[in-house]
C-alpha atoms as a PDB file:
ATOM      1  CA  MET A   1      -0.012  -0.468   0.450  1.00  0.00           C
ATOM      2  CA  GLU A   2       1.129   3.520  -0.976  1.00  0.00           C
ATOM      3  CA  LYS A   3       2.293   5.479   2.071  1.00  0.00           C
ATOM      4  CA  SER A   4      -0.222   8.551   1.139  1.00  0.00           C
ATOM      5  CA  LYS A   5      -2.831   6.111   0.777  1.00  0.00           C
ATOM      6  CA  THR A   6      -1.870   4.736   4.831  1.00  0.00           C
ATOM      7  CA  ILE A   7      -2.057   7.531   6.005  1.00  0.00           C
ATOM      8  CA  GLU A   8      -5.257   8.203   5.143  1.00  0.00           C
ATOM      9  CA  LEU A   9      -6.865   5.423   6.844  1.00  0.00           C
ATOM     10  CA  LEU A  10      -4.407   6.632   9.990  1.00  0.00           C
ATOM     11  CA  THR A  11      -6.633   9.629  10.013  1.00  0.00           C
ATOM     12  CA  LYS A  12      -9.441   8.125   9.535  1.00  0.00           C
ATOM     13  CA  ASP A  13      -8.424   7.082  12.594  1.00  0.00           C
ATOM     14  CA  MET A  14      -7.659   9.451  14.210  1.00  0.00           C
ATOM     15  CA  GLU A  15     -10.519  11.965  13.322  1.00  0.00           C
ATOM     16  CA  ASP A  16     -12.808   8.648  14.515  1.00  0.00           C
ATOM     17  CA  GLU A  17     -11.127   8.363  18.068  1.00  0.00           C
ATOM     18  CA  HIS A  18     -11.753  12.426  18.862  1.00  0.00           C
ATOM     19  CA  GLY A  19     -15.138  12.316  18.151  1.00  0.00           C
ATOM     20  CA  ALA A  20     -15.480   8.864  20.672  1.00  0.00           C
ATOM     21  CA  ILE A  21     -13.686  10.855  23.075  1.00  0.00           C
ATOM     22  CA  ILE A  22     -16.173  13.691  22.926  1.00  0.00           C
ATOM     23  CA  GLN A  23     -19.453  11.725  22.532  1.00  0.00           C
ATOM     24  CA  TYR A  24     -17.785   9.849  25.718  1.00  0.00           C
ATOM     25  CA  LEU A  25     -16.811  12.702  27.900  1.00  0.00           C
ATOM     26  CA  GLY A  26     -20.155  14.881  27.021  1.00  0.00           C
ATOM     27  CA  HIS A  27     -22.115  11.194  28.603  1.00  0.00           C
ATOM     28  CA  ALA A  28     -19.896  10.858  31.051  1.00  0.00           C
ATOM     29  CA  TYR A  29     -20.375  14.889  32.709  1.00  0.00           C
ATOM     30  CA  ALA A  30     -23.694  14.617  31.327  1.00  0.00           C
ATOM     31  CA  ILE A  31     -24.103  11.563  34.237  1.00  0.00           C
ATOM     32  CA  GLY A  32     -22.584  13.213  36.936  1.00  0.00           C
ATOM     33  CA  GLU A  33     -20.292  11.841  39.230  1.00  0.00           C
ATOM     34  CA  GLY A  34     -20.797   8.460  39.987  1.00  0.00           C
ATOM     35  CA  GLU A  35     -19.437   4.797  38.937  1.00  0.00           C
ATOM     36  CA  VAL A  36     -20.769   4.797  35.625  1.00  0.00           C
ATOM     37  CA  ALA A  37     -19.234   8.228  34.875  1.00  0.00           C
ATOM     38  CA  CYS A  38     -16.423   7.642  36.281  1.00  0.00           C
ATOM     39  CA  GLU A  39     -15.605   4.362  34.369  1.00  0.00           C
ATOM     40  CA  ILE A  40     -17.004   6.005  31.184  1.00  0.00           C
ATOM     41  CA  GLU A  41     -13.838   8.886  31.837  1.00  0.00           C
ATOM     42  CA  ALA A  42     -11.346   6.112  32.086  1.00  0.00           C
ATOM     43  CA  ILE A  43     -12.910   5.400  28.590  1.00  0.00           C
ATOM     44  CA  ALA A  44     -11.811   8.316  26.784  1.00  0.00           C
ATOM     45  CA  ARG A  45      -8.614   8.715  28.526  1.00  0.00           C
ATOM     46  CA  GLU A  46      -7.947   5.531  27.142  1.00  0.00           C
ATOM     47  CA  GLU A  47      -9.383   7.007  23.249  1.00  0.00           C
ATOM     48  CA  MET A  48      -6.418   9.686  24.223  1.00  0.00           C
ATOM     49  CA  ARG A  49      -3.870   7.179  23.635  1.00  0.00           C
ATOM     50  CA  HIS A  50      -5.086   5.942  20.775  1.00  0.00           C
ATOM     51  CA  LEU A  51      -5.235   9.361  19.365  1.00  0.00           C
ATOM     52  CA  ASP A  52      -1.692  10.143  20.330  1.00  0.00           C
ATOM     53  CA  TRP A  53      -0.188   6.610  18.964  1.00  0.00           C
ATOM     54  CA  LEU A  54      -1.957   7.712  15.565  1.00  0.00           C
ATOM     55  CA  ALA A  55      -1.076  10.862  15.323  1.00  0.00           C
ATOM     56  CA  GLU A  56       3.011  10.085  16.389  1.00  0.00           C
ATOM     57  CA  ALA A  57       2.259   6.950  13.563  1.00  0.00           C
ATOM     58  CA  ILE A  58       1.069   9.667  11.266  1.00  0.00           C
ATOM     59  CA  THR A  59       3.698  11.755  11.871  1.00  0.00           C
ATOM     60  CA  ALA A  60       6.473   9.776  11.424  1.00  0.00           C
ATOM     61  CA  LEU A  61       5.436   8.626   7.896  1.00  0.00           C
ATOM     62  CA  GLY A  62       4.865  12.591   7.165  1.00  0.00           C
ATOM     63  CA  GLY A  63       1.737  12.801   7.162  1.00  0.00           C
ATOM     64  CA  GLU A  64      -0.281  16.164   8.090  1.00  0.00           C
ATOM     65  CA  LEU A  65      -2.709  15.968  11.404  1.00  0.00           C
ATOM     66  CA  SER A  66      -6.509  16.527  11.413  1.00  0.00           C
ATOM     67  CA  PHE A  67      -8.376  17.358  14.599  1.00  0.00           C
ATOM     68  CA  LYS A  68     -11.670  17.261  12.755  1.00  0.00           C
ATOM     69  CA  ARG A  69     -13.641  15.089  14.877  1.00  0.00           C
ATOM     70  CA  GLY A  70     -14.958  11.649  12.803  1.00  0.00           C
ATOM     71  CA  MET A  71     -17.960   9.397  13.512  1.00  0.00           C
ATOM     72  CA  MET A  72     -20.260  10.499  16.934  1.00  0.00           C
ATOM     73  CA  ASP A  73     -23.799   9.540  17.562  1.00  0.00           C
ATOM     74  CA  MET A  74     -25.266  12.025  20.337  1.00  0.00           C
ATOM     75  CA  THR A  75     -28.761  10.175  19.758  1.00  0.00           C
ATOM     76  CA  GLY A  76     -30.749   9.176  22.633  1.00  0.00           C
ATOM     77  CA  LYS A  77     -33.452  10.217  25.193  1.00  0.00           C
ATOM     78  CA  THR A  78     -32.045   8.411  27.758  1.00  0.00           C
ATOM     79  CA  VAL A  79     -29.324   7.165  29.766  1.00  0.00           C
ATOM     80  CA  SER A  80     -29.330   4.045  28.505  1.00  0.00           C
ATOM     81  CA  GLU A  81     -30.011   5.114  24.978  1.00  0.00           C
ATOM     82  CA  TRP A  82     -26.471   7.046  25.158  1.00  0.00           C
ATOM     83  CA  MET A  83     -24.674   3.601  26.299  1.00  0.00           C
ATOM     84  CA  GLN A  84     -26.075   1.520  23.540  1.00  0.00           C
ATOM     85  CA  ALA A  85     -25.036   4.795  20.707  1.00  0.00           C
ATOM     86  CA  ASN A  86     -21.274   3.745  22.130  1.00  0.00           C
ATOM     87  CA  VAL A  87     -21.973  -0.320  21.892  1.00  0.00           C
ATOM     88  CA  GLY A  88     -22.833   1.376  18.465  1.00  0.00           C
ATOM     89  CA  LEU A  89     -19.769   3.657  18.495  1.00  0.00           C
ATOM     90  CA  GLU A  90     -17.525   0.657  19.023  1.00  0.00           C
ATOM     91  CA  ASN A  91     -18.911  -1.668  16.869  1.00  0.00           C
ATOM     92  CA  GLY A  92     -18.671   0.621  14.138  1.00  0.00           C
ATOM     93  CA  ALA A  93     -14.439   1.038  15.129  1.00  0.00           C
ATOM     94  CA  ILE A  94     -14.219  -2.869  15.158  1.00  0.00           C
ATOM     95  CA  THR A  95     -15.037  -2.830  12.440  1.00  0.00           C
ATOM     96  CA  GLN A  96     -12.487  -0.518  11.090  1.00  0.00           C
ATOM     97  CA  TYR A  97      -9.490  -1.293  12.628  1.00  0.00           C
ATOM     98  CA  ARG A  98      -9.991  -4.547  11.189  1.00  0.00           C
ATOM     99  CA  GLU A  99     -10.647  -3.736   7.477  1.00  0.00           C
ATOM    100  CA  HIS A 100      -7.642  -1.297   8.214  1.00  0.00           C
ATOM    101  CA  ILE A 101      -5.462  -3.964   9.225  1.00  0.00           C
ATOM    102  CA  LYS A 102      -6.406  -5.877   6.268  1.00  0.00           C
ATOM    103  CA  LEU A 103      -5.728  -3.351   3.602  1.00  0.00           C
ATOM    104  CA  ILE A 104      -2.205  -1.499   6.361  1.00  0.00           C
ATOM    105  CA  ASP A 105       1.531  -3.628   4.625  1.00  0.00           C
ATOM    106  CA  ASP A 106       2.929  -2.159   7.386  1.00  0.00           C
ATOM    107  CA  PRO A 107       4.066  -5.019  10.249  1.00  0.00           C
ATOM    108  CA  LYS A 108       4.317  -2.380  12.449  1.00  0.00           C
ATOM    109  CA  ILE A 109       1.541   0.242  11.907  1.00  0.00           C
ATOM    110  CA  LYS A 110      -1.083  -3.873  12.031  1.00  0.00           C
ATOM    111  CA  ARG A 111       0.359  -4.748  15.529  1.00  0.00           C
ATOM    112  CA  LEU A 112      -0.404  -0.376  16.848  1.00  0.00           C
ATOM    113  CA  LEU A 113      -3.790  -1.157  15.104  1.00  0.00           C
ATOM    114  CA  GLU A 114      -4.188  -4.353  16.842  1.00  0.00           C
ATOM    115  CA  ARG A 115      -3.140  -2.694  20.219  1.00  0.00           C
ATOM    116  CA  ILE A 116      -5.643  -0.514  19.504  1.00  0.00           C
ATOM    117  CA  LEU A 117      -9.050  -2.903  17.889  1.00  0.00           C
ATOM    118  CA  SER A 118      -7.978  -5.002  22.072  1.00  0.00           C
ATOM    119  CA  ASP A 119      -8.888  -1.783  24.142  1.00  0.00           C
ATOM    120  CA  GLU A 120     -12.161  -1.251  21.368  1.00  0.00           C
ATOM    121  CA  GLU A 121     -13.280  -4.510  22.041  1.00  0.00           C
ATOM    122  CA  SER A 122     -13.154  -4.466  25.395  1.00  0.00           C
ATOM    123  CA  HIS A 123     -14.756  -0.861  25.386  1.00  0.00           C
ATOM    124  CA  GLN A 124     -17.698  -2.654  23.819  1.00  0.00           C
ATOM    125  CA  GLY A 125     -18.018  -4.613  26.026  1.00  0.00           C
ATOM    126  CA  ASP A 126     -18.262  -2.095  29.233  1.00  0.00           C
ATOM    127  CA  PHE A 127     -20.795  -0.435  27.281  1.00  0.00           C
ATOM    128  CA  LYS A 128     -22.904  -3.469  27.198  1.00  0.00           C
ATOM    129  CA  HIS A 129     -22.998  -3.045  30.587  1.00  0.00           C
ATOM    130  CA  PHE A 130     -23.551   0.223  30.728  1.00  0.00           C
ATOM    131  CA  VAL A 131     -26.470  -0.320  28.778  1.00  0.00           C
ATOM    132  CA  GLU A 132     -28.365  -2.459  31.771  1.00  0.00           C
ATOM    133  CA  LYS A 133     -26.349  -0.846  34.573  1.00  0.00           C
ATOM    134  CA  THR A 134     -27.597   3.035  34.019  1.00  0.00           C
ATOM    135  CA  LEU A 135     -31.506   1.763  33.096  1.00  0.00           C
ATOM    136  CA  ARG A 136     -31.651  -0.348  36.316  1.00  0.00           C
ATOM    137  CA  GLU A 137     -30.302   1.974  38.340  1.00  0.00           C
ATOM    138  CA  LYS A 138     -32.444   4.518  36.562  1.00  0.00           C
ATOM    139  CA  MET A 139     -29.535   7.180  35.616  1.00  0.00           C
ATOM    140  CA  VAL A 140     -30.633  10.312  34.362  1.00  0.00           C
ATOM    141  CA  ASP A 141     -29.449  13.263  31.872  1.00  0.00           C
ATOM    142  CA  ARG A 142     -28.483  16.447  34.386  1.00  0.00           C
ATOM    143  CA  ARG A 143     -27.770  18.474  32.648  1.00  0.00           C
ATOM    144  CA  GLY A 144     -29.763  21.540  32.743  1.00  0.00           C
ATOM    145  CA  ASP A 145     -31.031  25.048  30.543  1.00  0.00           C
ATOM    146  CA  THR A 146     -29.891  27.636  33.427  1.00  0.00           C
ATOM    147  CA  SER A 147     -27.904  31.144  31.206  1.00  0.00           C
ATOM    148  CA  ASN A 148     -26.287  32.622  33.691  1.00  0.00           C
ATOM    149  CA  ILE A 149     -23.517  35.352  34.098  1.00  0.00           C
ATOM    150  CA  THR A 150     -21.798  32.108  35.805  1.00  0.00           C
ATOM    151  CA  THR A 151     -23.053  29.339  33.086  1.00  0.00           C
ATOM    152  CA  GLU A 152     -21.836  31.693  30.893  1.00  0.00           C
ATOM    153  CA  ASN A 153     -17.958  31.744  32.799  1.00  0.00           C
ATOM    154  CA  LEU A 154     -18.287  27.967  32.818  1.00  0.00           C
ATOM    155  CA  SER A 155     -18.830  27.711  29.112  1.00  0.00           C
ATOM    156  CA  TRP A 156     -15.987  29.989  27.694  1.00  0.00           C
ATOM    157  CA  GLY A 157     -13.626  28.175  29.972  1.00  0.00           C
ATOM    158  CA  ILE A 158     -14.978  24.855  28.592  1.00  0.00           C
ATOM    159  CA  LYS A 159     -14.368  25.924  24.930  1.00  0.00           C
ATOM    160  CA  HIS A 160     -10.745  27.577  25.130  1.00  0.00           C
ATOM    161  CA  GLU A 161      -9.648  24.599  27.150  1.00  0.00           C
ATOM    162  CA  TYR A 162     -10.523  22.333  24.739  1.00  0.00           C
ATOM    163  CA  THR A 163      -9.365  24.988  22.475  1.00  0.00           C
ATOM    164  CA  VAL A 164      -5.631  24.375  24.021  1.00  0.00           C
ATOM    165  CA  ILE A 165      -6.166  20.632  24.472  1.00  0.00           C
ATOM    166  CA  ILE A 166      -5.988  19.906  20.610  1.00  0.00           C
ATOM    167  CA  GLN A 167      -3.376  23.089  20.239  1.00  0.00           C
ATOM    168  CA  TYR A 168      -0.941  21.703  22.756  1.00  0.00           C
ATOM    169  CA  LEU A 169      -1.389  17.948  21.239  1.00  0.00           C
ATOM    170  CA  LEU A 170      -0.914  19.105  18.069  1.00  0.00           C
ATOM    171  CA  GLN A 171       2.480  21.607  18.582  1.00  0.00           C
ATOM    172  CA  SER A 172       4.122  18.581  20.584  1.00  0.00           C
ATOM    173  CA  TYR A 173       4.106  16.060  18.106  1.00  0.00           C
ATOM    174  CA  SER A 174       6.314  18.899  15.831  1.00  0.00           C
ATOM    175  CA  ALA A 175       8.758  19.521  18.523  1.00  0.00           C
ATOM    176  CA  LYS A 176      12.045  20.359  18.220  1.00  0.00           C
ATOM    177  CA  ASN A 177      13.044  18.359  20.645  1.00  0.00           C
ATOM    178  CA  GLU A 178      11.772  15.830  24.004  1.00  0.00           C
ATOM    179  CA  GLU A 179      11.220  17.961  26.478  1.00  0.00           C
ATOM    180  CA  THR A 180       9.724  20.681  24.850  1.00  0.00           C
ATOM    181  CA  ARG A 181       7.695  17.335  23.856  1.00  0.00           C
ATOM    182  CA  LYS A 182       7.028  16.304  26.941  1.00  0.00           C
ATOM    183  CA  GLU A 183       5.567  18.930  28.924  1.00  0.00           C
ATOM    184  CA  LEU A 184       3.520  20.490  25.651  1.00  0.00           C
ATOM    185  CA  GLN A 185       1.793  16.951  26.388  1.00  0.00           C
ATOM    186  CA  ASP A 186       1.516  17.541  29.918  1.00  0.00           C
ATOM    187  CA  GLN A 187      -0.381  21.017  30.120  1.00  0.00           C
ATOM    188  CA  ALA A 188      -2.563  19.037  27.770  1.00  0.00           C
ATOM    189  CA  ILE A 189      -3.555  16.538  29.758  1.00  0.00           C
ATOM    190  CA  ASN A 190      -3.543  19.199  33.090  1.00  0.00           C
ATOM    191  CA  GLU A 191      -5.873  21.017  30.462  1.00  0.00           C
ATOM    192  CA  MET A 192      -8.668  18.043  29.632  1.00  0.00           C
ATOM    193  CA  GLN A 193      -8.722  18.198  33.659  1.00  0.00           C
ATOM    194  CA  HIS A 194      -9.376  21.506  33.856  1.00  0.00           C
ATOM    195  CA  MET A 195     -12.074  20.740  31.135  1.00  0.00           C
ATOM    196  CA  GLY A 196     -13.824  17.925  33.342  1.00  0.00           C
ATOM    197  CA  TRP A 197     -13.330  20.180  36.065  1.00  0.00           C
ATOM    198  CA  LEU A 198     -15.796  23.231  34.342  1.00  0.00           C
ATOM    199  CA  SER A 199     -17.812  21.236  32.937  1.00  0.00           C
ATOM    200  CA  GLU A 200     -18.718  19.210  36.107  1.00  0.00           C
ATOM    201  CA  LYS A 201     -19.601  22.521  37.391  1.00  0.00           C
ATOM    202  CA  MET A 202     -21.514  23.263  34.975  1.00  0.00           C
ATOM    203  CA  ILE A 203     -23.455  20.647  35.708  1.00  0.00           C
ATOM    204  CA  ASP A 204     -23.885  21.298  39.438  1.00  0.00           C
ATOM    205  CA  LYS A 205     -24.998  24.395  38.368  1.00  0.00           C
ATOM    206  CA  LYS A 206     -28.193  23.458  36.336  1.00  0.00           C
ATOM    207  CA  GLY A 207     -26.098  24.020  32.934  1.00  0.00           C
ATOM    208  CA  HIS A 208     -25.125  22.440  30.343  1.00  0.00           C
ATOM    209  CA  PRO A 209     -21.709  21.624  29.393  1.00  0.00           C
ATOM    210  CA  HIS A 210     -21.454  21.905  25.121  1.00  0.00           C
ATOM    211  CA  LEU A 211     -17.872  20.836  24.251  1.00  0.00           C
ATOM    212  CA  GLU A 212     -17.061  22.779  21.258  1.00  0.00           C
ATOM    213  CA  HIS A 213     -13.384  24.498  20.103  1.00  0.00           C
ATOM    214  CA  ASP A 214     -12.560  27.120  18.599  1.00  0.00           C
ATOM    215  CA  LYS A 215      -9.656  27.996  16.088  1.00  0.00           C
ATOM    216  CA  PHE A 216      -5.857  27.049  17.508  1.00  0.00           C
ATOM    217  CA  GLU A 217      -2.848  28.189  16.607  1.00  0.00           C
ATOM    218  CA  LYS A 218      -0.701  25.776  14.161  1.00  0.00           C
ATOM    219  CA  THR A 219       2.487  27.651  13.677  1.00  0.00           C
ATOM    220  CA  ARG A 220       5.350  25.168  13.589  1.00  0.00           C
ATOM    221  CA  ASP A 221       7.979  27.868  14.354  1.00  0.00           C
ATOM    222  CA  HIS A 222       9.091  27.005  17.995  1.00  0.00           C
ATOM    223  CA  THR A 223       9.468  30.418  19.268  1.00  0.00           C
ATOM    224  CA  LYS A 224       6.393  31.753  17.646  1.00  0.00           C
ATOM    225  CA  MET A 225       4.754  28.500  18.973  1.00  0.00           C
ATOM    226  CA  LEU A 226       5.345  29.508  22.529  1.00  0.00           C
ATOM    227  CA  LYS A 227       5.684  32.186  22.978  1.00  0.00           C
ATOM    228  CA  ALA A 228       1.940  32.681  21.362  1.00  0.00           C
ATOM    229  CA  ASP A 229       1.236  30.275  24.363  1.00  0.00           C
ATOM    230  CA  ILE A 230       2.602  32.393  26.936  1.00  0.00           C
ATOM    231  CA  GLU A 231       0.290  35.214  25.939  1.00  0.00           C
ATOM    232  CA  LEU A 232      -3.303  32.626  25.009  1.00  0.00           C
ATOM    233  CA  GLU A 233      -2.401  31.693  29.358  1.00  0.00           C
ATOM    234  CA  HIS A 234      -1.928  35.217  30.603  1.00  0.00           C
ATOM    235  CA  LYS A 235      -5.022  36.366  28.968  1.00  0.00           C
ATOM    236  CA  VAL A 236      -6.534  33.080  29.982  1.00  0.00           C
ATOM    237  CA  ALA A 237      -6.225  33.604  33.986  1.00  0.00           C
ATOM    238  CA  ASP A 238      -6.887  37.237  33.751  1.00  0.00           C
ATOM    239  CA  LYS A 239      -9.959  36.222  32.137  1.00  0.00           C
ATOM    240  CA  TYR A 240     -10.211  33.476  35.014  1.00  0.00           C
ATOM    241  CA  ASP A 241      -9.424  36.326  37.149  1.00  0.00           C
ATOM    242  CA  GLN A 242     -12.605  38.203  36.084  1.00  0.00           C
ATOM    243  CA  SER A 243     -15.136  35.546  36.293  1.00  0.00           C
ATOM    244  CA  ALA A 244     -14.065  34.656  39.842  1.00  0.00           C
ATOM    245  CA  ALA A 245     -14.871  38.294  40.254  1.00  0.00           C
ATOM    246  CA  GLN A 246     -18.219  38.102  38.793  1.00  0.00           C
ATOM    247  CA  THR A 247     -19.703  35.732  40.743  1.00  0.00           C
ATOM    248  CA  ASN A 248     -20.453  35.534  45.487  1.00  0.00           C
ATOM    249  CA  GLU A 249     -20.553  31.617  45.084  1.00  0.00           C
ATOM    250  CA  SER A 250     -17.736  30.002  47.083  1.00  0.00           C
ATOM    251  CA  ASP A 251     -17.324  26.799  44.850  1.00  0.00           C
ATOM    252  CA  VAL A 252     -17.348  28.911  41.180  1.00  0.00           C
ATOM    253  CA  LYS A 253     -14.556  31.471  42.872  1.00  0.00           C
ATOM    254  CA  GLU A 254     -12.653  29.270  43.970  1.00  0.00           C
ATOM    255  CA  LEU A 255     -12.466  26.638  40.743  1.00  0.00           C
ATOM    256  CA  PHE A 256     -11.854  29.969  38.050  1.00  0.00           C
ATOM    257  CA  GLN A 257      -8.934  31.019  40.862  1.00  0.00           C
ATOM    258  CA  LYS A 258      -7.658  27.959  41.373  1.00  0.00           C
ATOM    259  CA  LEU A 259      -7.611  27.622  36.998  1.00  0.00           C
ATOM    260  CA  ALA A 260      -6.011  30.827  36.797  1.00  0.00           C
ATOM    261  CA  THR A 261      -3.427  29.633  39.150  1.00  0.00           C
ATOM    262  CA  HIS A 262      -2.725  27.024  37.011  1.00  0.00           C
ATOM    263  CA  GLU A 263      -2.569  28.647  33.406  1.00  0.00           C
ATOM    264  CA  ARG A 264      -0.156  31.785  35.559  1.00  0.00           C
ATOM    265  CA  TYR A 265       1.846  28.237  36.249  1.00  0.00           C
ATOM    266  CA  HIS A 266       1.761  26.606  32.553  1.00  0.00           C
ATOM    267  CA  ALA A 267       2.767  30.442  31.362  1.00  0.00           C
ATOM    268  CA  GLU A 268       5.927  29.867  33.851  1.00  0.00           C
ATOM    269  CA  ILE A 269       7.231  26.634  31.699  1.00  0.00           C
ATOM    270  CA  PHE A 270       6.228  27.630  28.776  1.00  0.00           C
ATOM    271  CA  LYS A 271       9.313  30.434  29.316  1.00  0.00           C
ATOM    272  CA  ASP A 272      11.397  27.757  30.352  1.00  0.00           C
ATOM    273  CA  LEU A 273      10.712  26.134  27.515  1.00  0.00           C
ATOM    274  CA  LEU A 274      12.047  29.281  25.711  1.00  0.00           C
ATOM    275  CA  GLU A 275      15.443  29.884  27.361  1.00  0.00           C
END
């Protein structure tokens, strides 16, 4: 198989992993705290690892990375129906990976896809279990439609965090050295945690977390990239400070203040990488 075709297949896999991550996180946040939500978030983290592996493989082949969201199924009126949709998503992933394993000649990439396939087969079984468990435990959608300055600021934060997760991951694959690559990926993981905190707080406040991202910085120039990241982190920290000042709810204020501190720490990390 030509290298360009292999890249095309891996890109489709990567985009679908992205879609799965967002679908599963959306379901986990909407369910709220509890064992099932935690297990779904763990599955989403495994899908994130798949995305990382696929991105590395595409980069090694000289391909351009795509962070488009692939196949998703956000249908279903009940939590149990959501879990059934997740079973369907895993069914599609299993079929696709099996097909790509047959088509791709490169033994190293075949092994990678076989490794990912084993996870998807496990996830399929997990979601089948969740179909029954969520029905039995009568789990419900905890999202609301509250709209006020607090939910607006939480929504802004969710969108920002999602955007920089993609931005830092994308930058990490073109980083000029291992230290920069590792730090960018570490910060992406930290921003994913932030997105989770904000989404969970949105649920607590009877709001609806919408997992959408904004435009992200794509430059490959090392210095320009880090300077842009530093500037962004300071702006975001200021925005979180402003959001904290706009609420009288102590739990929300504490979250925004913590995020502001984290963002300024990220800026200092990026400054160190410039030296």
